[in-house]
Amino acid sequence: MIRKMQPADLEPVLNFWLAATLQAHSFIDPAYWHNNLEPVRQMLPQAEVYVYAETANSAPLGLIGLDPEGDYIAGLFVAPEAQAQGIGKQLLDYAKSLRSQLTLRVYQQNERALRFYQREGFQIENEQIDEATGAAEYLMHWQAY
């Protein structure tokens, strides 16, 4: 089931966010992600975040964060042990049901995520460098038809 993130979800979400981030972004110094754990802890409760959990009372296994004022996906993460089970697609489909268009950024070296977003109808609009990490990324866009 997909539901809005609750305060009790914060620690489990942070745990799988860090694990999934380190796994998917091995080309970026792990210290960068560890140093961003506290800022993420502060931002998540104030963002529009939806989580996937197997039941209403179970710990979340995935999350999607949306810009509450726009169409930007700030992040889509699935716990490493729950990946490749359709959770990311369910979360993305849920976001598509809320917005008529979506944009996101994905690191070029994160080939698995890039293929996933292209398979889900996102198109590359621009290539840029993430100033925080120095890594090349794509700006991608999806539009409902």
N, C-alpha and C. Protein backbone atom coordinates (compact mmCIF):
# COMPACT_ATOMS: atom_id res chain seq x y z
N MET A 1 0.83 -1.18 0.00
CA MET A 1 0.00 0.00 0.00
C MET A 1 0.88 1.25 0.00
N ILE A 2 0.36 2.30 -0.57
CA ILE A 2 1.07 3.58 -0.59
C ILE A 2 0.29 4.56 0.28
N ARG A 3 1.02 5.25 1.14
CA ARG A 3 0.41 6.21 2.04
C ARG A 3 1.37 7.35 2.31
N LYS A 4 0.85 8.43 2.87
CA LYS A 4 1.71 9.55 3.26
C LYS A 4 2.64 9.08 4.37
N MET A 5 3.87 9.58 4.34
CA MET A 5 4.82 9.26 5.38
C MET A 5 4.34 9.80 6.72
N GLN A 6 4.47 8.98 7.76
CA GLN A 6 4.10 9.34 9.12
C GLN A 6 5.37 9.57 9.95
N PRO A 7 5.27 10.28 11.07
CA PRO A 7 6.46 10.50 11.90
C PRO A 7 7.17 9.20 12.30
N ALA A 8 6.43 8.14 12.56
CA ALA A 8 7.04 6.86 12.95
C ALA A 8 7.84 6.22 11.82
N ASP A 9 7.63 6.67 10.59
CA ASP A 9 8.33 6.12 9.43
C ASP A 9 9.73 6.69 9.27
N LEU A 10 10.03 7.79 9.96
CA LEU A 10 11.26 8.53 9.68
C LEU A 10 12.52 7.67 9.81
N GLU A 11 12.71 6.99 10.93
CA GLU A 11 13.95 6.22 11.11
C GLU A 11 14.07 5.06 10.12
N PRO A 12 13.02 4.25 9.91
CA PRO A 12 13.15 3.21 8.89
C PRO A 12 13.43 3.78 7.49
N VAL A 13 12.80 4.90 7.16
CA VAL A 13 13.02 5.53 5.86
C VAL A 13 14.47 5.99 5.75
N LEU A 14 14.98 6.64 6.77
CA LEU A 14 16.37 7.10 6.73
C LEU A 14 17.34 5.93 6.57
N ASN A 15 17.04 4.83 7.25
CA ASN A 15 17.92 3.66 7.15
C ASN A 15 17.98 3.12 5.73
N PHE A 16 16.81 2.93 5.10
CA PHE A 16 16.88 2.38 3.74
C PHE A 16 17.29 3.43 2.73
N TRP A 17 17.01 4.72 3.00
CA TRP A 17 17.49 5.78 2.10
C TRP A 17 19.00 5.74 2.01
N LEU A 18 19.67 5.67 3.17
CA LEU A 18 21.13 5.65 3.16
C LEU A 18 21.66 4.39 2.49
N ALA A 19 21.10 3.24 2.80
CA ALA A 19 21.58 1.99 2.20
C ALA A 19 21.38 2.00 0.69
N ALA A 20 20.20 2.42 0.23
CA ALA A 20 19.92 2.44 -1.21
C ALA A 20 20.77 3.47 -1.92
N THR A 21 20.99 4.61 -1.27
CA THR A 21 21.79 5.68 -1.87
C THR A 21 23.23 5.24 -2.03
N LEU A 22 23.79 4.64 -1.00
CA LEU A 22 25.17 4.16 -1.08
C LEU A 22 25.32 3.09 -2.16
N GLN A 23 24.33 2.22 -2.28
CA GLN A 23 24.37 1.15 -3.29
C GLN A 23 24.29 1.71 -4.71
N ALA A 24 23.36 2.65 -4.93
CA ALA A 24 23.13 3.16 -6.29
C ALA A 24 24.17 4.18 -6.73
N HIS A 25 24.83 4.81 -5.78
CA HIS A 25 25.75 5.91 -6.11
C HIS A 25 27.17 5.60 -5.63
N SER A 26 27.65 4.43 -5.93
CA SER A 26 28.99 4.02 -5.50
C SER A 26 30.09 4.88 -6.13
N PHE A 27 29.77 5.63 -7.14
CA PHE A 27 30.72 6.49 -7.83
C PHE A 27 30.90 7.84 -7.11
N ILE A 28 30.16 8.06 -6.02
CA ILE A 28 30.27 9.28 -5.22
C ILE A 28 30.81 8.88 -3.85
N ASP A 29 31.70 9.69 -3.30
CA ASP A 29 32.30 9.43 -1.99
C ASP A 29 31.21 9.16 -0.96
N PRO A 30 31.23 8.00 -0.30
CA PRO A 30 30.21 7.69 0.70
C PRO A 30 30.08 8.75 1.81
N ALA A 31 31.17 9.45 2.10
CA ALA A 31 31.12 10.49 3.13
C ALA A 31 30.11 11.57 2.77
N TYR A 32 29.94 11.84 1.48
CA TYR A 32 28.96 12.85 1.06
C TYR A 32 27.56 12.46 1.53
N TRP A 33 27.19 11.19 1.35
CA TRP A 33 25.86 10.73 1.73
C TRP A 33 25.70 10.68 3.25
N HIS A 34 26.73 10.20 3.93
CA HIS A 34 26.69 10.17 5.40
C HIS A 34 26.54 11.59 5.96
N ASN A 35 27.23 12.55 5.35
CA ASN A 35 27.14 13.94 5.79
C ASN A 35 25.77 14.55 5.51
N ASN A 36 25.04 13.98 4.57
CA ASN A 36 23.72 14.51 4.22
C ASN A 36 22.57 13.84 4.97
N LEU A 37 22.90 12.88 5.82
CA LEU A 37 21.85 12.17 6.56
C LEU A 37 21.05 13.12 7.45
N GLU A 38 21.71 14.00 8.17
CA GLU A 38 20.98 14.91 9.06
C GLU A 38 20.14 15.93 8.29
N PRO A 39 20.66 16.55 7.23
CA PRO A 39 19.79 17.44 6.44
C PRO A 39 18.57 16.71 5.87
N VAL A 40 18.74 15.47 5.44
CA VAL A 40 17.60 14.69 4.93
C VAL A 40 16.62 14.43 6.07
N ARG A 41 17.13 14.13 7.26
CA ARG A 41 16.27 13.91 8.43
C ARG A 41 15.41 15.15 8.71
N GLN A 42 15.96 16.32 8.50
CA GLN A 42 15.22 17.56 8.74
C GLN A 42 14.22 17.86 7.63
N MET A 43 14.57 17.54 6.40
CA MET A 43 13.73 17.88 5.25
C MET A 43 12.54 16.94 5.07
N LEU A 44 12.73 15.66 5.32
CA LEU A 44 11.68 14.68 5.03
C LEU A 44 10.33 15.00 5.69
N PRO A 45 10.29 15.34 6.97
CA PRO A 45 8.98 15.59 7.59
C PRO A 45 8.25 16.81 7.00
N GLN A 46 8.98 17.68 6.32
CA GLN A 46 8.36 18.88 5.77
C GLN A 46 8.05 18.75 4.28
N ALA A 47 8.40 17.61 3.70
CA ALA A 47 8.19 17.41 2.27
C ALA A 47 6.92 16.60 2.03
N GLU A 48 6.52 16.52 0.76
CA GLU A 48 5.39 15.67 0.36
C GLU A 48 5.97 14.30 0.02
N VAL A 49 5.95 13.41 1.00
CA VAL A 49 6.58 12.11 0.86
C VAL A 49 5.53 11.01 1.01
N TYR A 50 5.57 10.07 0.08
CA TYR A 50 4.70 8.91 0.12
C TYR A 50 5.58 7.68 0.27
N VAL A 51 5.11 6.73 1.07
CA VAL A 51 5.88 5.51 1.29
C VAL A 51 5.08 4.30 0.84
N TYR A 52 5.81 3.27 0.49
CA TYR A 52 5.22 1.97 0.19
C TYR A 52 5.48 1.08 1.40
N ALA A 53 4.44 0.45 1.90
CA ALA A 53 4.56 -0.54 2.97
C ALA A 53 3.61 -1.69 2.65
N GLU A 54 3.97 -2.87 3.08
CA GLU A 54 3.15 -4.04 2.77
C GLU A 54 1.79 -3.98 3.47
N THR A 55 1.76 -3.43 4.68
CA THR A 55 0.49 -3.26 5.41
C THR A 55 0.50 -1.88 6.06
N ALA A 56 -0.62 -1.48 6.60
CA ALA A 56 -0.73 -0.16 7.24
C ALA A 56 0.23 -0.01 8.41
N ASN A 57 0.57 -1.11 9.06
CA ASN A 57 1.41 -1.05 10.26
C ASN A 57 2.84 -1.51 10.03
N SER A 58 3.18 -1.92 8.82
CA SER A 58 4.54 -2.41 8.59
C SER A 58 5.47 -1.27 8.22
N ALA A 59 6.75 -1.53 8.38
CA ALA A 59 7.77 -0.52 8.07
C ALA A 59 7.81 -0.26 6.57
N PRO A 60 8.05 0.98 6.18
CA PRO A 60 8.13 1.30 4.75
C PRO A 60 9.31 0.61 4.08
N LEU A 61 9.11 0.28 2.80
CA LEU A 61 10.15 -0.34 1.98
C LEU A 61 10.56 0.55 0.81
N GLY A 62 9.83 1.65 0.60
CA GLY A 62 10.14 2.56 -0.49
C GLY A 62 9.54 3.91 -0.21
N LEU A 63 10.07 4.92 -0.91
CA LEU A 63 9.54 6.27 -0.77
C LEU A 63 9.68 7.04 -2.07
N ILE A 64 8.78 7.99 -2.24
CA ILE A 64 8.90 8.96 -3.32
C ILE A 64 8.62 10.33 -2.70
N GLY A 65 9.51 11.26 -2.96
CA GLY A 65 9.36 12.61 -2.45
C GLY A 65 9.06 13.56 -3.59
N LEU A 66 7.97 14.33 -3.44
CA LEU A 66 7.56 15.28 -4.46
C LEU A 66 7.67 16.70 -3.94
N ASP A 67 7.97 17.61 -4.83
CA ASP A 67 7.95 19.02 -4.50
C ASP A 67 6.48 19.41 -4.33
N PRO A 68 6.08 19.84 -3.12
CA PRO A 68 4.66 20.14 -2.92
C PRO A 68 4.16 21.31 -3.75
N GLU A 69 5.05 22.13 -4.25
CA GLU A 69 4.66 23.31 -5.03
C GLU A 69 4.79 23.09 -6.54
N GLY A 70 5.27 21.91 -6.94
CA GLY A 70 5.51 21.73 -8.36
C GLY A 70 5.49 20.27 -8.78
N ASP A 71 6.23 19.98 -9.82
CA ASP A 71 6.20 18.67 -10.46
C ASP A 71 7.52 17.92 -10.35
N TYR A 72 8.35 18.30 -9.40
CA TYR A 72 9.69 17.72 -9.28
C TYR A 72 9.70 16.53 -8.32
N ILE A 73 10.30 15.43 -8.77
CA ILE A 73 10.52 14.27 -7.90
C ILE A 73 11.88 14.48 -7.24
N ALA A 74 11.85 14.73 -5.94
CA ALA A 74 13.09 14.96 -5.20
C ALA A 74 13.84 13.66 -4.94
N GLY A 75 13.14 12.54 -4.94
CA GLY A 75 13.81 11.27 -4.75
C GLY A 75 12.84 10.10 -4.82
N LEU A 76 13.35 8.99 -5.30
CA LEU A 76 12.62 7.73 -5.33
C LEU A 76 13.62 6.66 -4.88
N PHE A 77 13.32 6.04 -3.74
CA PHE A 77 14.24 5.07 -3.16
C PHE A 77 13.47 3.84 -2.69
N VAL A 78 14.08 2.69 -2.90
CA VAL A 78 13.52 1.42 -2.44
C VAL A 78 14.61 0.72 -1.65
N ALA A 79 14.22 0.14 -0.51
CA ALA A 79 15.17 -0.60 0.31
C ALA A 79 15.88 -1.65 -0.54
N PRO A 80 17.20 -1.80 -0.40
CA PRO A 80 17.93 -2.74 -1.25
C PRO A 80 17.33 -4.15 -1.26
N GLU A 81 16.87 -4.63 -0.11
CA GLU A 81 16.32 -5.99 -0.06
C GLU A 81 14.96 -6.11 -0.73
N ALA A 82 14.34 -4.98 -1.07
CA ALA A 82 13.01 -4.99 -1.69
C ALA A 82 13.04 -4.53 -3.15
N GLN A 83 14.21 -4.31 -3.69
CA GLN A 83 14.31 -3.83 -5.07
C GLN A 83 13.95 -4.92 -6.06
N ALA A 84 13.58 -4.50 -7.27
CA ALA A 84 13.21 -5.39 -8.37
C ALA A 84 11.94 -6.20 -8.05
N GLN A 85 11.04 -5.61 -7.25
CA GLN A 85 9.77 -6.25 -6.93
C GLN A 85 8.59 -5.37 -7.34
N GLY A 86 8.86 -4.31 -8.10
CA GLY A 86 7.79 -3.45 -8.58
C GLY A 86 7.42 -2.30 -7.66
N ILE A 87 8.11 -2.15 -6.55
CA ILE A 87 7.77 -1.09 -5.59
C ILE A 87 8.06 0.29 -6.18
N GLY A 88 9.20 0.45 -6.83
CA GLY A 88 9.54 1.74 -7.44
C GLY A 88 8.52 2.13 -8.50
N LYS A 89 8.09 1.17 -9.31
CA LYS A 89 7.09 1.45 -10.34
C LYS A 89 5.77 1.85 -9.70
N GLN A 90 5.36 1.17 -8.64
CA GLN A 90 4.11 1.53 -7.96
C GLN A 90 4.18 2.96 -7.41
N LEU A 91 5.29 3.31 -6.81
CA LEU A 91 5.45 4.66 -6.28
C LEU A 91 5.44 5.70 -7.41
N LEU A 92 6.13 5.39 -8.50
CA LEU A 92 6.15 6.32 -9.63
C LEU A 92 4.77 6.44 -10.26
N ASP A 93 4.06 5.35 -10.41
CA ASP A 93 2.70 5.40 -10.95
C ASP A 93 1.80 6.24 -10.04
N TYR A 94 1.99 6.14 -8.74
CA TYR A 94 1.21 6.93 -7.80
C TYR A 94 1.49 8.43 -8.03
N ALA A 95 2.76 8.78 -8.16
CA ALA A 95 3.12 10.17 -8.42
C ALA A 95 2.52 10.65 -9.74
N LYS A 96 2.52 9.79 -10.74
CA LYS A 96 1.92 10.15 -12.04
C LYS A 96 0.42 10.39 -11.91
N SER A 97 -0.22 9.70 -10.95
CA SER A 97 -1.65 9.91 -10.75
C SER A 97 -1.94 11.25 -10.07
N LEU A 98 -0.93 11.82 -9.44
CA LEU A 98 -1.10 13.10 -8.74
C LEU A 98 -0.71 14.31 -9.58
N ARG A 99 0.11 14.09 -10.60
CA ARG A 99 0.64 15.19 -11.40
C ARG A 99 0.47 14.86 -12.89
N SER A 100 0.32 15.90 -13.71
CA SER A 100 0.21 15.69 -15.16
C SER A 100 1.57 15.69 -15.84
N GLN A 101 2.58 16.15 -15.13
CA GLN A 101 3.94 16.08 -15.63
C GLN A 101 4.89 15.99 -14.44
N LEU A 102 6.06 15.42 -14.68
CA LEU A 102 7.05 15.25 -13.63
C LEU A 102 8.44 15.48 -14.20
N THR A 103 9.31 16.02 -13.37
CA THR A 103 10.72 16.15 -13.73
C THR A 103 11.55 15.54 -12.60
N LEU A 104 12.76 15.17 -12.94
CA LEU A 104 13.69 14.61 -11.95
C LEU A 104 15.10 14.74 -12.48
N ARG A 105 16.04 14.51 -11.59
CA ARG A 105 17.44 14.45 -11.96
C ARG A 105 17.95 13.05 -11.62
N VAL A 106 18.78 12.51 -12.51
CA VAL A 106 19.37 11.19 -12.26
C VAL A 106 20.83 11.25 -12.70
N TYR A 107 21.70 10.69 -11.88
CA TYR A 107 23.12 10.66 -12.25
C TYR A 107 23.31 9.77 -13.46
N GLN A 108 24.15 10.22 -14.38
CA GLN A 108 24.39 9.45 -15.60
C GLN A 108 24.97 8.07 -15.29
N GLN A 109 25.78 7.98 -14.25
CA GLN A 109 26.41 6.70 -13.90
C GLN A 109 25.45 5.74 -13.20
N ASN A 110 24.28 6.22 -12.82
CA ASN A 110 23.28 5.35 -12.21
C ASN A 110 22.44 4.75 -13.34
N GLU A 111 23.06 3.85 -14.08
CA GLU A 111 22.46 3.31 -15.30
C GLU A 111 21.16 2.54 -15.03
N ARG A 112 21.09 1.88 -13.91
CA ARG A 112 19.86 1.13 -13.58
C ARG A 112 18.68 2.08 -13.44
N ALA A 113 18.87 3.18 -12.71
CA ALA A 113 17.80 4.16 -12.54
C ALA A 113 17.47 4.83 -13.87
N LEU A 114 18.48 5.16 -14.64
CA LEU A 114 18.27 5.80 -15.94
C LEU A 114 17.40 4.91 -16.84
N ARG A 115 17.71 3.62 -16.92
CA ARG A 115 16.91 2.68 -17.72
C ARG A 115 15.48 2.60 -17.19
N PHE A 116 15.33 2.56 -15.87
CA PHE A 116 14.01 2.50 -15.25
C PHE A 116 13.17 3.71 -15.67
N TYR A 117 13.73 4.91 -15.53
CA TYR A 117 12.96 6.11 -15.86
C TYR A 117 12.63 6.18 -17.35
N GLN A 118 13.55 5.77 -18.21
CA GLN A 118 13.27 5.76 -19.64
C GLN A 118 12.16 4.75 -19.96
N ARG A 119 12.20 3.60 -19.33
CA ARG A 119 11.16 2.58 -19.52
C ARG A 119 9.80 3.11 -19.07
N GLU A 120 9.80 4.01 -18.09
CA GLU A 120 8.56 4.57 -17.55
C GLU A 120 8.14 5.86 -18.26
N GLY A 121 8.75 6.16 -19.40
CA GLY A 121 8.30 7.26 -20.24
C GLY A 121 8.99 8.59 -20.03
N PHE A 122 10.03 8.64 -19.21
CA PHE A 122 10.77 9.89 -19.03
C PHE A 122 11.76 10.08 -20.18
N GLN A 123 11.90 11.34 -20.59
CA GLN A 123 12.81 11.71 -21.66
C GLN A 123 13.91 12.60 -21.10
N ILE A 124 15.12 12.43 -21.60
CA ILE A 124 16.23 13.29 -21.19
C ILE A 124 16.02 14.66 -21.84
N GLU A 125 16.05 15.70 -21.03
CA GLU A 125 15.88 17.07 -21.52
C GLU A 125 17.18 17.85 -21.52
N ASN A 126 18.06 17.53 -20.58
CA ASN A 126 19.27 18.32 -20.43
C ASN A 126 20.32 17.48 -19.72
N GLU A 127 21.56 17.83 -19.96
CA GLU A 127 22.70 17.22 -19.28
C GLU A 127 23.38 18.31 -18.48
N GLN A 128 23.73 18.02 -17.24
CA GLN A 128 24.34 19.04 -16.40
C GLN A 128 25.25 18.36 -15.37
N ILE A 129 25.93 19.18 -14.59
CA ILE A 129 26.79 18.70 -13.52
C ILE A 129 26.14 19.07 -12.19
N ASP A 130 26.02 18.08 -11.31
CA ASP A 130 25.52 18.33 -9.96
C ASP A 130 26.63 19.06 -9.21
N GLU A 131 26.37 20.30 -8.84
CA GLU A 131 27.39 21.11 -8.18
C GLU A 131 27.85 20.51 -6.86
N ALA A 132 26.97 19.85 -6.14
CA ALA A 132 27.31 19.30 -4.83
C ALA A 132 28.29 18.13 -4.92
N THR A 133 28.16 17.32 -5.98
CA THR A 133 28.99 16.11 -6.09
C THR A 133 30.00 16.16 -7.23
N GLY A 134 29.77 17.03 -8.20
CA GLY A 134 30.61 17.08 -9.38
C GLY A 134 30.29 16.00 -10.39
N ALA A 135 29.24 15.23 -10.15
CA ALA A 135 28.88 14.13 -11.05
C ALA A 135 27.92 14.62 -12.14
N ALA A 136 28.07 14.04 -13.33
CA ALA A 136 27.19 14.38 -14.45
C ALA A 136 25.81 13.78 -14.20
N GLU A 137 24.78 14.54 -14.54
CA GLU A 137 23.41 14.07 -14.35
C GLU A 137 22.56 14.51 -15.53
N TYR A 138 21.42 13.84 -15.65
CA TYR A 138 20.42 14.21 -16.65
C TYR A 138 19.22 14.82 -15.94
N LEU A 139 18.64 15.82 -16.56
CA LEU A 139 17.33 16.33 -16.17
C LEU A 139 16.35 15.60 -17.08
N MET A 140 15.36 14.93 -16.48
CA MET A 140 14.41 14.13 -17.25
C MET A 140 12.99 14.64 -17.01
N HIS A 141 12.12 14.40 -17.99
CA HIS A 141 10.76 14.92 -17.94
C HIS A 141 9.79 13.85 -18.42
N TRP A 142 8.64 13.81 -17.76
CA TRP A 142 7.53 12.94 -18.17
C TRP A 142 6.28 13.80 -18.28
N GLN A 143 5.49 13.54 -19.31
CA GLN A 143 4.24 14.29 -19.54
C GLN A 143 3.12 13.29 -19.78
N ALA A 144 2.01 13.48 -19.08
CA ALA A 144 0.83 12.64 -19.31
C ALA A 144 0.23 12.99 -20.67
N TYR A 145 -0.35 11.99 -21.33
CA TYR A 145 -0.99 12.24 -22.63
C TYR A 145 -2.44 11.92 -22.57
